[in-house]
Amino acid sequence: VRILEKHCVACHAEGAASFPLETFDQTWLKKRDVHAQVIARHMPPWPALPGYGQFANDNSLTLRESQFVISWVEGLGPRNSGTVFLNVTGQDAARPAEVRAHTDFGHWELGEPSQTLRVPGSGVIDTGFKTARRLHAMEFMPGDRRNLRAAFFKVRETGQWIGSWTPWYGYMSLPNGRGFLLPAGAHIVAELHYKGQQRPLEAGSIGLYFAAAGAADMGTDVVLASKAPAQRVRVTSKLAGQTRVVALWPQLDAGAKSVEVSARKPDGGTEVLLVERDPSEEWLTPFVLKAPVTLPAGTELVVNVYYAKAGGVRLTVNRY
């Protein structure tokens, strides 16, 4: 149940993207599908290879978790020897409640927002701000979890990437003392990725968390973009000053086989920030670092992408 709550029920629940895995009966009936997907590392969807960067939104199973799930299925889905152990006494023990993997889709992970705005199906949100504001964090609560696969949010007036959502990780929060600048009259544009062509009239709500007075602005994003499709794409950019990388957002064409993002430092050392293998076209994801990575001035950012045929890349690096 702990594994299901941590990795699965954000998608596998009633009203969510796929078949529910909230109860013993639901999970037992799907155990063979679960077994196959875990062995193939298709589920939970997470394309980054371990050992290259540490990410706050990493949804992959650990080796122990994978072994546990596989053993549970191969053991014919045991349910505590046929009973549910609740570790309770008295009258409740005589009428044990069903054990369920739980998720709360109506709960703000970051607490009550400073302001809540509705997201129309068009994806363009008019903030109505009369003065400039600084945004410390942003969280998205979708209206339709059955078809929405990912969402990315940018400020139309500045082009700044301010947040993203996937079913298992729906917010972006900055280090203390930092904030995204939202100018007066700002519009937030949501890039919404759905399964199929169905589009709701209303996509959901965003919660805005404003920075304290005196918060410093985030630097503008670094964007690396290819100019023409190719089977092997390589793009570089040199950093003019010291930079702390907060998150990476690769935008790829169909057929990408691998992605590598690295930083070549002036002293000759190289730090690999991200390696993806066979990124999913259905489950797009950003990569939010657990802690900012500091890169000295003169560091060269390098992104290499390999395609089965040909394609391009646009990598947005959120930094300060």
C-alpha atoms as a PDB file:
ATOM      1  CA  VAL A   1       0.000   0.000   0.000  1.00  0.00           C
ATOM      2  CA  ARG A   2       2.869   2.401   0.767  1.00  0.00           C
ATOM      3  CA  ILE A   3       4.389   1.728  -2.666  1.00  0.00           C
ATOM      4  CA  LEU A   4       1.038   2.291  -4.382  1.00  0.00           C
ATOM      5  CA  GLU A   5       0.487   5.544  -2.495  1.00  0.00           C
ATOM      6  CA  LYS A   6       3.978   6.830  -3.268  1.00  0.00           C
ATOM      7  CA  HIS A   7       4.221   5.878  -6.940  1.00  0.00           C
ATOM      8  CA  CYS A   8       0.943   4.663  -8.450  1.00  0.00           C
ATOM      9  CA  VAL A   9      -2.401   6.059  -7.323  1.00  0.00           C
ATOM     10  CA  ALA A  10      -1.760   9.555  -8.698  1.00  0.00           C
ATOM     11  CA  CYS A  11      -2.644   7.917 -12.045  1.00  0.00           C
ATOM     12  CA  HIS A  12      -4.255   4.633 -10.965  1.00  0.00           C
ATOM     13  CA  ALA A  13      -7.335   5.804  -9.076  1.00  0.00           C
ATOM     14  CA  GLU A  14     -11.022   6.388  -9.700  1.00  0.00           C
ATOM     15  CA  GLY A  15     -11.344   9.431 -11.963  1.00  0.00           C
ATOM     16  CA  ALA A  16      -7.643   9.431 -12.828  1.00  0.00           C
ATOM     17  CA  ALA A  17      -5.672   8.490 -15.931  1.00  0.00           C
ATOM     18  CA  SER A  18      -5.781   4.685 -15.724  1.00  0.00           C
ATOM     19  CA  PHE A  19      -7.369   1.668 -14.032  1.00  0.00           C
ATOM     20  CA  PRO A  20      -7.505   1.970 -10.217  1.00  0.00           C
ATOM     21  CA  LEU A  21      -5.037   0.254  -7.897  1.00  0.00           C
ATOM     22  CA  GLU A  22      -6.496   1.518  -4.630  1.00  0.00           C
ATOM     23  CA  THR A  23      -7.726  -1.741  -3.074  1.00  0.00           C
ATOM     24  CA  PHE A  24      -6.508  -5.311  -2.753  1.00  0.00           C
ATOM     25  CA  ASP A  25      -9.146  -6.620  -5.185  1.00  0.00           C
ATOM     26  CA  GLN A  26      -8.315  -4.009  -7.843  1.00  0.00           C
ATOM     27  CA  THR A  27      -4.590  -4.651  -7.576  1.00  0.00           C
ATOM     28  CA  TRP A  28      -4.910  -8.450  -7.466  1.00  0.00           C
ATOM     29  CA  LEU A  29      -6.931  -8.486 -10.709  1.00  0.00           C
ATOM     30  CA  LYS A  30      -4.246  -6.408 -12.463  1.00  0.00           C
ATOM     31  CA  LYS A  31      -1.240  -8.109 -10.893  1.00  0.00           C
ATOM     32  CA  ARG A  32       0.079  -9.616 -14.138  1.00  0.00           C
ATOM     33  CA  ASP A  33      -0.042  -6.224 -15.902  1.00  0.00           C
ATOM     34  CA  VAL A  34       1.715  -4.652 -12.923  1.00  0.00           C
ATOM     35  CA  HIS A  35       4.363  -7.406 -12.964  1.00  0.00           C
ATOM     36  CA  ALA A  36       5.119  -6.928 -16.670  1.00  0.00           C
ATOM     37  CA  GLN A  37       5.256  -3.135 -16.497  1.00  0.00           C
ATOM     38  CA  VAL A  38       7.559  -3.083 -13.459  1.00  0.00           C
ATOM     39  CA  ILE A  39       9.989  -5.613 -14.969  1.00  0.00           C
ATOM     40  CA  ALA A  40      10.091  -3.647 -18.257  1.00  0.00           C
ATOM     41  CA  ARG A  41      10.547  -0.384 -16.254  1.00  0.00           C
ATOM     42  CA  HIS A  42       7.659   1.164 -18.181  1.00  0.00           C
ATOM     43  CA  MET A  43       5.804   2.028 -14.991  1.00  0.00           C
ATOM     44  CA  PRO A  44       5.932   4.278 -13.130  1.00  0.00           C
ATOM     45  CA  PRO A  45       6.895   6.488 -16.102  1.00  0.00           C
ATOM     46  CA  TRP A  46      10.305   8.056 -15.428  1.00  0.00           C
ATOM     47  CA  PRO A  47      12.883   8.230 -18.247  1.00  0.00           C
ATOM     48  CA  ALA A  48      15.937   9.585 -16.390  1.00  0.00           C
ATOM     49  CA  LEU A  49      18.703   7.107 -15.618  1.00  0.00           C
ATOM     50  CA  PRO A  50      19.737   6.876 -11.956  1.00  0.00           C
ATOM     51  CA  GLY A  51      23.141   8.254 -11.020  1.00  0.00           C
ATOM     52  CA  TYR A  52      22.915  11.426 -13.144  1.00  0.00           C
ATOM     53  CA  GLY A  53      21.296  14.211 -11.146  1.00  0.00           C
ATOM     54  CA  GLN A  54      18.909  13.975  -8.191  1.00  0.00           C
ATOM     55  CA  PHE A  55      15.363  15.106  -8.872  1.00  0.00           C
ATOM     56  CA  ALA A  56      12.562  16.095  -6.525  1.00  0.00           C
ATOM     57  CA  ASN A  57       9.936  14.703  -8.923  1.00  0.00           C
ATOM     58  CA  ASP A  58      11.660  11.335  -9.485  1.00  0.00           C
ATOM     59  CA  ASN A  59       8.847   8.765  -9.518  1.00  0.00           C
ATOM     60  CA  SER A  60      10.899   5.647 -10.276  1.00  0.00           C
ATOM     61  CA  LEU A  61      10.808   2.553  -8.096  1.00  0.00           C
ATOM     62  CA  THR A  62      13.875   1.721  -6.056  1.00  0.00           C
ATOM     63  CA  LEU A  63      15.403  -1.730  -6.539  1.00  0.00           C
ATOM     64  CA  ARG A  64      13.890  -2.868  -3.237  1.00  0.00           C
ATOM     65  CA  GLU A  65      10.450  -1.573  -4.232  1.00  0.00           C
ATOM     66  CA  SER A  66      10.641  -3.325  -7.615  1.00  0.00           C
ATOM     67  CA  GLN A  67      11.669  -6.604  -5.982  1.00  0.00           C
ATOM     68  CA  PHE A  68       8.871  -6.297  -3.439  1.00  0.00           C
ATOM     69  CA  VAL A  69       6.193  -5.768  -6.120  1.00  0.00           C
ATOM     70  CA  ILE A  70       7.513  -8.645  -8.238  1.00  0.00           C
ATOM     71  CA  SER A  71       7.641 -10.967  -5.203  1.00  0.00           C
ATOM     72  CA  TRP A  72       4.097  -9.993  -4.217  1.00  0.00           C
ATOM     73  CA  VAL A  73       2.764 -10.895  -7.664  1.00  0.00           C
ATOM     74  CA  GLU A  74       4.767 -14.120  -7.954  1.00  0.00           C
ATOM     75  CA  GLY A  75       3.500 -15.064  -4.492  1.00  0.00           C
ATOM     76  CA  LEU A  76      -0.061 -14.876  -5.921  1.00  0.00           C
ATOM     77  CA  GLY A  77      -0.814 -11.522  -4.329  1.00  0.00           C
ATOM     78  CA  PRO A  78      -0.892 -12.496  -0.632  1.00  0.00           C
ATOM     79  CA  ARG A  79      -3.148 -10.415   1.573  1.00  0.00           C
ATOM     80  CA  ASN A  80      -1.453 -10.918   4.954  1.00  0.00           C
ATOM     81  CA  SER A  81      -2.306 -14.655   4.912  1.00  0.00           C
ATOM     82  CA  GLY A  82      -5.884 -13.918   3.961  1.00  0.00           C
ATOM     83  CA  THR A  83      -6.588 -11.253   6.589  1.00  0.00           C
ATOM     84  CA  VAL A  84      -6.113  -7.520   6.829  1.00  0.00           C
ATOM     85  CA  PHE A  85      -3.935  -6.520   9.797  1.00  0.00           C
ATOM     86  CA  LEU A  86      -4.960  -3.122  11.149  1.00  0.00           C
ATOM     87  CA  ASN A  87      -3.151  -3.152  14.528  1.00  0.00           C
ATOM     88  CA  VAL A  88      -6.273  -1.966  16.371  1.00  0.00           C
ATOM     89  CA  THR A  89      -8.134  -3.249  19.412  1.00  0.00           C
ATOM     90  CA  GLY A  90     -11.665  -3.207  20.767  1.00  0.00           C
ATOM     91  CA  GLN A  91     -14.802  -2.882  18.646  1.00  0.00           C
ATOM     92  CA  ASP A  92     -12.925  -1.662  15.548  1.00  0.00           C
ATOM     93  CA  ALA A  93     -11.026  -4.961  15.422  1.00  0.00           C
ATOM     94  CA  ALA A  94     -14.296  -6.887  15.059  1.00  0.00           C
ATOM     95  CA  ARG A  95     -15.282  -4.834  12.010  1.00  0.00           C
ATOM     96  CA  PRO A  96     -12.017  -4.101  10.191  1.00  0.00           C
ATOM     97  CA  ALA A  97     -12.154  -1.416   7.544  1.00  0.00           C
ATOM     98  CA  GLU A  98     -10.819  -2.043   4.064  1.00  0.00           C
ATOM     99  CA  VAL A  99      -7.194  -1.080   3.577  1.00  0.00           C
ATOM    100  CA  ARG A 100      -6.900   1.354   0.650  1.00  0.00           C
ATOM    101  CA  ALA A 101      -4.108   3.237  -1.031  1.00  0.00           C
ATOM    102  CA  HIS A 102      -5.128   6.845  -0.587  1.00  0.00           C
ATOM    103  CA  THR A 103      -4.666  10.028  -2.576  1.00  0.00           C
ATOM    104  CA  ASP A 104      -6.363  13.402  -2.211  1.00  0.00           C
ATOM    105  CA  PHE A 105      -6.857  15.168  -5.535  1.00  0.00           C
ATOM    106  CA  GLY A 106      -8.515  18.185  -3.893  1.00  0.00           C
ATOM    107  CA  HIS A 107      -5.592  19.018  -1.593  1.00  0.00           C
ATOM    108  CA  TRP A 108      -3.015  21.774  -2.124  1.00  0.00           C
ATOM    109  CA  GLU A 109       0.391  20.174  -1.462  1.00  0.00           C
ATOM    110  CA  LEU A 110       1.964  23.551  -0.635  1.00  0.00           C
ATOM    111  CA  GLY A 111      -0.861  24.719   1.632  1.00  0.00           C
ATOM    112  CA  GLU A 112      -3.469  27.364   0.963  1.00  0.00           C
ATOM    113  CA  PRO A 113      -2.335  29.611  -1.941  1.00  0.00           C
ATOM    114  CA  SER A 114      -1.966  33.381  -1.710  1.00  0.00           C
ATOM    115  CA  GLN A 115      -4.272  33.571  -4.744  1.00  0.00           C
ATOM    116  CA  THR A 116      -6.152  31.055  -6.886  1.00  0.00           C
ATOM    117  CA  LEU A 117      -6.873  31.534 -10.596  1.00  0.00           C
ATOM    118  CA  ARG A 118      -8.991  29.418 -12.927  1.00  0.00           C
ATOM    119  CA  VAL A 119      -7.305  27.941 -16.008  1.00  0.00           C
ATOM    120  CA  PRO A 120      -9.564  28.112 -19.097  1.00  0.00           C
ATOM    121  CA  GLY A 121      -9.408  25.452 -21.776  1.00  0.00           C
ATOM    122  CA  SER A 122      -7.524  27.906 -23.994  1.00  0.00           C
ATOM    123  CA  GLY A 123      -4.686  27.843 -21.491  1.00  0.00           C
ATOM    124  CA  VAL A 124      -4.310  31.650 -21.274  1.00  0.00           C
ATOM    125  CA  ILE A 125      -4.791  33.060 -17.753  1.00  0.00           C
ATOM    126  CA  ASP A 126      -5.270  36.802 -17.229  1.00  0.00           C
ATOM    127  CA  THR A 127      -3.861  37.518 -13.765  1.00  0.00           C
ATOM    128  CA  GLY A 128      -5.400  40.989 -13.628  1.00  0.00           C
ATOM    129  CA  PHE A 129      -2.458  42.246 -11.563  1.00  0.00           C
ATOM    130  CA  LYS A 130      -2.425  46.026 -11.191  1.00  0.00           C
ATOM    131  CA  THR A 131       1.180  45.987  -9.943  1.00  0.00           C
ATOM    132  CA  ALA A 132       4.137  43.642 -10.400  1.00  0.00           C
ATOM    133  CA  ARG A 133       4.311  40.629  -8.077  1.00  0.00           C
ATOM    134  CA  ARG A 134       7.012  38.088  -7.267  1.00  0.00           C
ATOM    135  CA  LEU A 135       6.038  34.441  -7.286  1.00  0.00           C
ATOM    136  CA  HIS A 136       7.778  32.055  -4.866  1.00  0.00           C
ATOM    137  CA  ALA A 137       5.851  28.907  -5.865  1.00  0.00           C
ATOM    138  CA  MET A 138       3.057  27.705  -8.133  1.00  0.00           C
ATOM    139  CA  GLU A 139       0.818  24.626  -7.943  1.00  0.00           C
ATOM    140  CA  PHE A 140      -1.682  23.298 -10.480  1.00  0.00           C
ATOM    141  CA  MET A 141      -4.875  21.410  -9.648  1.00  0.00           C
ATOM    142  CA  PRO A 142      -6.319  19.931 -12.880  1.00  0.00           C
ATOM    143  CA  GLY A 143     -10.010  19.610 -13.535  1.00  0.00           C
ATOM    144  CA  ASP A 144      -9.707  16.436 -15.672  1.00  0.00           C
ATOM    145  CA  ARG A 145      -7.121  13.899 -14.528  1.00  0.00           C
ATOM    146  CA  ARG A 146      -8.376  11.227 -16.914  1.00  0.00           C
ATOM    147  CA  ASN A 147      -6.970  12.802 -20.069  1.00  0.00           C
ATOM    148  CA  LEU A 148      -4.377  15.364 -18.974  1.00  0.00           C
ATOM    149  CA  ARG A 149      -0.802  14.056 -19.103  1.00  0.00           C
ATOM    150  CA  ALA A 150       1.329  17.171 -18.458  1.00  0.00           C
ATOM    151  CA  ALA A 151       1.127  20.954 -18.175  1.00  0.00           C
ATOM    152  CA  PHE A 152       3.812  23.635 -18.385  1.00  0.00           C
ATOM    153  CA  PHE A 153       3.328  27.278 -17.391  1.00  0.00           C
ATOM    154  CA  LYS A 154       5.100  30.376 -18.740  1.00  0.00           C
ATOM    155  CA  VAL A 155       4.670  34.142 -18.388  1.00  0.00           C
ATOM    156  CA  ARG A 156       3.597  35.462 -21.793  1.00  0.00           C
ATOM    157  CA  GLU A 157       5.176  38.887 -21.325  1.00  0.00           C
ATOM    158  CA  THR A 158       8.637  37.614 -20.278  1.00  0.00           C
ATOM    159  CA  GLY A 159       8.768  34.039 -21.601  1.00  0.00           C
ATOM    160  CA  GLN A 160       9.782  32.806 -18.131  1.00  0.00           C
ATOM    161  CA  TRP A 161       8.984  29.181 -17.287  1.00  0.00           C
ATOM    162  CA  ILE A 162       7.384  29.286 -13.821  1.00  0.00           C
ATOM    163  CA  GLY A 163       6.028  25.811 -13.189  1.00  0.00           C
ATOM    164  CA  SER A 164       4.842  22.455 -14.451  1.00  0.00           C
ATOM    165  CA  TRP A 165       2.550  19.580 -13.593  1.00  0.00           C
ATOM    166  CA  THR A 166       2.577  15.833 -14.045  1.00  0.00           C
ATOM    167  CA  PRO A 167       0.135  13.486 -12.268  1.00  0.00           C
ATOM    168  CA  TRP A 168       2.723  12.607  -9.622  1.00  0.00           C
ATOM    169  CA  TYR A 169       4.257  16.074  -9.070  1.00  0.00           C
ATOM    170  CA  GLY A 170       2.189  19.193  -9.523  1.00  0.00           C
ATOM    171  CA  TYR A 171       4.146  22.217  -8.317  1.00  0.00           C
ATOM    172  CA  MET A 172       7.384  24.196  -8.493  1.00  0.00           C
ATOM    173  CA  SER A 173       8.828  25.961  -5.443  1.00  0.00           C
ATOM    174  CA  LEU A 174      11.887  28.220  -5.501  1.00  0.00           C
ATOM    175  CA  PRO A 175      14.729  28.483  -2.969  1.00  0.00           C
ATOM    176  CA  ASN A 176      14.091  30.928  -0.132  1.00  0.00           C
ATOM    177  CA  GLY A 177      14.579  34.571  -1.062  1.00  0.00           C
ATOM    178  CA  ARG A 178      13.849  34.044  -4.764  1.00  0.00           C
ATOM    179  CA  GLY A 179      10.815  34.836  -6.884  1.00  0.00           C
ATOM    180  CA  PHE A 180       9.613  34.865 -10.487  1.00  0.00           C
ATOM    181  CA  LEU A 181       8.694  38.356 -11.667  1.00  0.00           C
ATOM    182  CA  LEU A 182       5.049  38.691 -12.740  1.00  0.00           C
ATOM    183  CA  PRO A 183       4.685  42.165 -14.316  1.00  0.00           C
ATOM    184  CA  ALA A 184       1.530  44.231 -14.011  1.00  0.00           C
ATOM    185  CA  GLY A 185      -1.136  42.840 -16.338  1.00  0.00           C
ATOM    186  CA  ALA A 186       0.763  39.554 -16.713  1.00  0.00           C
ATOM    187  CA  HIS A 187      -0.750  36.585 -18.550  1.00  0.00           C
ATOM    188  CA  ILE A 188       0.210  33.020 -17.654  1.00  0.00           C
ATOM    189  CA  VAL A 189       0.133  30.598 -20.590  1.00  0.00           C
ATOM    190  CA  ALA A 190      -0.504  26.914 -19.873  1.00  0.00           C
ATOM    191  CA  GLU A 191       0.842  24.399 -22.384  1.00  0.00           C
ATOM    192  CA  LEU A 192      -1.560  21.484 -21.848  1.00  0.00           C
ATOM    193  CA  HIS A 193      -0.827  17.960 -23.106  1.00  0.00           C
ATOM    194  CA  TYR A 194      -3.829  15.641 -23.335  1.00  0.00           C
ATOM    195  CA  LYS A 195      -4.317  12.028 -24.327  1.00  0.00           C
ATOM    196  CA  GLY A 196      -6.327  12.168 -27.547  1.00  0.00           C
ATOM    197  CA  GLN A 197      -8.126  15.276 -28.779  1.00  0.00           C
ATOM    198  CA  GLN A 198     -10.578  15.903 -25.963  1.00  0.00           C
ATOM    199  CA  ARG A 199     -10.267  19.428 -24.484  1.00  0.00           C
ATOM    200  CA  PRO A 200     -12.360  20.622 -21.523  1.00  0.00           C
ATOM    201  CA  LEU A 201     -13.791  24.135 -21.318  1.00  0.00           C
ATOM    202  CA  GLU A 202     -11.924  24.583 -18.047  1.00  0.00           C
ATOM    203  CA  ALA A 203      -8.570  22.929 -17.376  1.00  0.00           C
ATOM    204  CA  GLY A 204      -8.408  23.465 -13.605  1.00  0.00           C
ATOM    205  CA  SER A 205      -6.920  25.968 -11.160  1.00  0.00           C
ATOM    206  CA  ILE A 206      -3.483  27.307 -10.310  1.00  0.00           C
ATOM    207  CA  GLY A 207      -2.446  28.330  -6.830  1.00  0.00           C
ATOM    208  CA  LEU A 208       0.009  31.232  -6.637  1.00  0.00           C
ATOM    209  CA  TYR A 209       2.304  31.676  -3.623  1.00  0.00           C
ATOM    210  CA  PHE A 210       3.831  35.134  -3.494  1.00  0.00           C
ATOM    211  CA  ALA A 211       7.379  35.771  -2.287  1.00  0.00           C
ATOM    212  CA  ALA A 212       8.114  37.830   0.796  1.00  0.00           C
ATOM    213  CA  ALA A 213       9.074  41.468   0.382  1.00  0.00           C
ATOM    214  CA  GLY A 214      12.644  41.907  -0.753  1.00  0.00           C
ATOM    215  CA  ALA A 215      12.864  38.606  -2.659  1.00  0.00           C
ATOM    216  CA  ALA A 216      15.424  38.672  -5.489  1.00  0.00           C
ATOM    217  CA  ASP A 217      14.317  37.969  -9.051  1.00  0.00           C
ATOM    218  CA  MET A 218      15.168  34.713 -10.759  1.00  0.00           C
ATOM    219  CA  GLY A 219      17.453  35.088 -13.750  1.00  0.00           C
ATOM    220  CA  THR A 220      15.997  34.618 -17.202  1.00  0.00           C
ATOM    221  CA  ASP A 221      15.879  31.044 -18.490  1.00  0.00           C
ATOM    222  CA  VAL A 222      18.713  29.677 -20.589  1.00  0.00           C
ATOM    223  CA  VAL A 223      17.267  28.141 -23.779  1.00  0.00           C
ATOM    224  CA  LEU A 224      19.232  25.779 -26.036  1.00  0.00           C
ATOM    225  CA  ALA A 225      17.477  25.090 -29.338  1.00  0.00           C
ATOM    226  CA  SER A 226      18.516  23.276 -32.507  1.00  0.00           C
ATOM    227  CA  LYS A 227      18.170  25.004 -35.874  1.00  0.00           C
ATOM    228  CA  ALA A 228      17.434  22.019 -38.123  1.00  0.00           C
ATOM    229  CA  PRO A 229      16.258  18.397 -37.665  1.00  0.00           C
ATOM    230  CA  ALA A 230      19.003  15.764 -37.589  1.00  0.00           C
ATOM    231  CA  GLN A 231      19.563  12.230 -36.368  1.00  0.00           C
ATOM    232  CA  ARG A 232      22.208  13.463 -33.936  1.00  0.00           C
ATOM    233  CA  VAL A 233      21.542  16.905 -32.452  1.00  0.00           C
ATOM    234  CA  ARG A 234      24.102  18.822 -30.419  1.00  0.00           C
ATOM    235  CA  VAL A 235      23.511  22.301 -28.970  1.00  0.00           C
ATOM    236  CA  THR A 236      25.761  24.300 -26.636  1.00  0.00           C
ATOM    237  CA  SER A 237      25.587  27.542 -24.655  1.00  0.00           C
ATOM    238  CA  LYS A 238      28.248  29.237 -22.494  1.00  0.00           C
ATOM    239  CA  LEU A 239      27.229  30.792 -19.176  1.00  0.00           C
ATOM    240  CA  ALA A 240      28.409  34.379 -18.725  1.00  0.00           C
ATOM    241  CA  GLY A 241      28.185  34.324 -14.918  1.00  0.00           C
ATOM    242  CA  GLN A 242      27.834  31.933 -12.012  1.00  0.00           C
ATOM    243  CA  THR A 243      24.552  30.045 -12.360  1.00  0.00           C
ATOM    244  CA  ARG A 244      22.465  27.855 -10.097  1.00  0.00           C
ATOM    245  CA  VAL A 245      20.333  25.406 -12.088  1.00  0.00           C
ATOM    246  CA  VAL A 246      16.894  24.712 -10.600  1.00  0.00           C
ATOM    247  CA  ALA A 247      15.099  22.626 -13.266  1.00  0.00           C
ATOM    248  CA  LEU A 248      15.425  21.272 -16.823  1.00  0.00           C
ATOM    249  CA  TRP A 249      12.651  21.042 -19.436  1.00  0.00           C
ATOM    250  CA  PRO A 250      13.561  19.128 -22.623  1.00  0.00           C
ATOM    251  CA  GLN A 251      11.111  19.509 -25.517  1.00  0.00           C
ATOM    252  CA  LEU A 252      11.683  16.797 -28.103  1.00  0.00           C
ATOM    253  CA  ASP A 253      10.264  15.620 -31.391  1.00  0.00           C
ATOM    254  CA  ALA A 254       8.831  12.116 -31.814  1.00  0.00           C
ATOM    255  CA  GLY A 255      11.343   9.290 -32.092  1.00  0.00           C
ATOM    256  CA  ALA A 256      13.976  10.503 -29.615  1.00  0.00           C
ATOM    257  CA  LYS A 257      16.118   7.622 -28.335  1.00  0.00           C
ATOM    258  CA  SER A 258      18.361   9.348 -25.798  1.00  0.00           C
ATOM    259  CA  VAL A 259      19.063  12.750 -24.269  1.00  0.00           C
ATOM    260  CA  GLU A 260      22.116  13.891 -22.327  1.00  0.00           C
ATOM    261  CA  VAL A 261      22.559  17.285 -20.656  1.00  0.00           C
ATOM    262  CA  SER A 262      26.013  18.042 -19.283  1.00  0.00           C
ATOM    263  CA  ALA A 263      28.022  20.996 -17.988  1.00  0.00           C
ATOM    264  CA  ARG A 264      31.669  21.435 -19.043  1.00  0.00           C
ATOM    265  CA  LYS A 265      33.360  23.612 -16.449  1.00  0.00           C
ATOM    266  CA  PRO A 266      36.312  25.957 -17.079  1.00  0.00           C
ATOM    267  CA  ASP A 267      38.661  23.697 -15.076  1.00  0.00           C
ATOM    268  CA  GLY A 268      38.025  20.879 -17.570  1.00  0.00           C
ATOM    269  CA  GLY A 269      35.645  18.852 -15.419  1.00  0.00           C
ATOM    270  CA  THR A 270      32.265  17.690 -16.707  1.00  0.00           C
ATOM    271  CA  GLU A 271      29.103  17.226 -14.652  1.00  0.00           C
ATOM    272  CA  VAL A 272      26.281  15.226 -16.218  1.00  0.00           C
ATOM    273  CA  LEU A 273      22.993  16.816 -15.189  1.00  0.00           C
ATOM    274  CA  LEU A 274      20.566  14.461 -16.936  1.00  0.00           C
ATOM    275  CA  VAL A 275      20.493  11.288 -19.035  1.00  0.00           C
ATOM    276  CA  GLU A 276      17.237  10.034 -20.564  1.00  0.00           C
ATOM    277  CA  ARG A 277      16.685   6.776 -22.432  1.00  0.00           C
ATOM    278  CA  ASP A 278      13.665   6.308 -24.715  1.00  0.00           C
ATOM    279  CA  PRO A 279      11.704   9.313 -23.374  1.00  0.00           C
ATOM    280  CA  SER A 280       7.961   8.766 -23.503  1.00  0.00           C
ATOM    281  CA  GLU A 281       5.922  10.759 -25.996  1.00  0.00           C
ATOM    282  CA  GLU A 282       2.833  10.284 -23.808  1.00  0.00           C
ATOM    283  CA  TRP A 283       4.290  11.043 -20.376  1.00  0.00           C
ATOM    284  CA  LEU A 284       6.203  14.290 -20.822  1.00  0.00           C
ATOM    285  CA  THR A 285       8.068  15.407 -17.743  1.00  0.00           C
ATOM    286  CA  PRO A 286      10.311  18.217 -16.551  1.00  0.00           C
ATOM    287  CA  PHE A 287      13.215  17.483 -14.221  1.00  0.00           C
ATOM    288  CA  VAL A 288      13.110  19.469 -10.979  1.00  0.00           C
ATOM    289  CA  LEU A 289      16.379  19.256  -9.051  1.00  0.00           C
ATOM    290  CA  LYS A 290      16.270  18.381  -5.353  1.00  0.00           C
ATOM    291  CA  ALA A 291      18.837  21.121  -4.750  1.00  0.00           C
ATOM    292  CA  PRO A 292      20.164  23.775  -7.169  1.00  0.00           C
ATOM    293  CA  VAL A 293      23.378  22.824  -8.982  1.00  0.00           C
ATOM    294  CA  THR A 294      25.959  25.638  -8.941  1.00  0.00           C
ATOM    295  CA  LEU A 295      27.956  26.148 -12.146  1.00  0.00           C
ATOM    296  CA  PRO A 296      30.821  28.679 -12.397  1.00  0.00           C
ATOM    297  CA  ALA A 297      31.038  31.428 -15.013  1.00  0.00           C
ATOM    298  CA  GLY A 298      32.359  30.130 -18.318  1.00  0.00           C
ATOM    299  CA  THR A 299      30.655  26.730 -17.982  1.00  0.00           C
ATOM    300  CA  GLU A 300      29.430  25.342 -21.291  1.00  0.00           C
ATOM    301  CA  LEU A 301      26.022  23.663 -21.229  1.00  0.00           C
ATOM    302  CA  VAL A 302      25.795  20.836 -23.761  1.00  0.00           C
ATOM    303  CA  VAL A 303      22.723  18.893 -24.856  1.00  0.00           C
ATOM    304  CA  ASN A 304      23.027  15.817 -27.094  1.00  0.00           C
ATOM    305  CA  VAL A 305      19.956  14.093 -28.539  1.00  0.00           C
ATOM    306  CA  TYR A 306      19.847  10.966 -30.712  1.00  0.00           C
ATOM    307  CA  TYR A 307      16.844  10.154 -32.920  1.00  0.00           C
ATOM    308  CA  ALA A 308      15.785   7.005 -34.719  1.00  0.00           C
ATOM    309  CA  LYS A 309      15.356   9.199 -37.823  1.00  0.00           C
ATOM    310  CA  ALA A 310      15.631  12.950 -37.297  1.00  0.00           C
ATOM    311  CA  GLY A 311      14.358  15.629 -34.954  1.00  0.00           C
ATOM    312  CA  GLY A 312      15.214  18.691 -32.952  1.00  0.00           C
ATOM    313  CA  VAL A 313      15.414  19.846 -29.341  1.00  0.00           C
ATOM    314  CA  ARG A 314      14.567  22.846 -27.192  1.00  0.00           C
ATOM    315  CA  LEU A 315      15.972  22.691 -23.680  1.00  0.00           C
ATOM    316  CA  THR A 316      14.818  25.281 -21.127  1.00  0.00           C
ATOM    317  CA  VAL A 317      17.070  25.654 -18.085  1.00  0.00           C
ATOM    318  CA  ASN A 318      15.458  27.333 -15.096  1.00  0.00           C
ATOM    319  CA  ARG A 319      18.214  29.105 -13.151  1.00  0.00           C
ATOM    320  CA  TYR A 320      19.262  32.034 -10.989  1.00  0.00           C
END
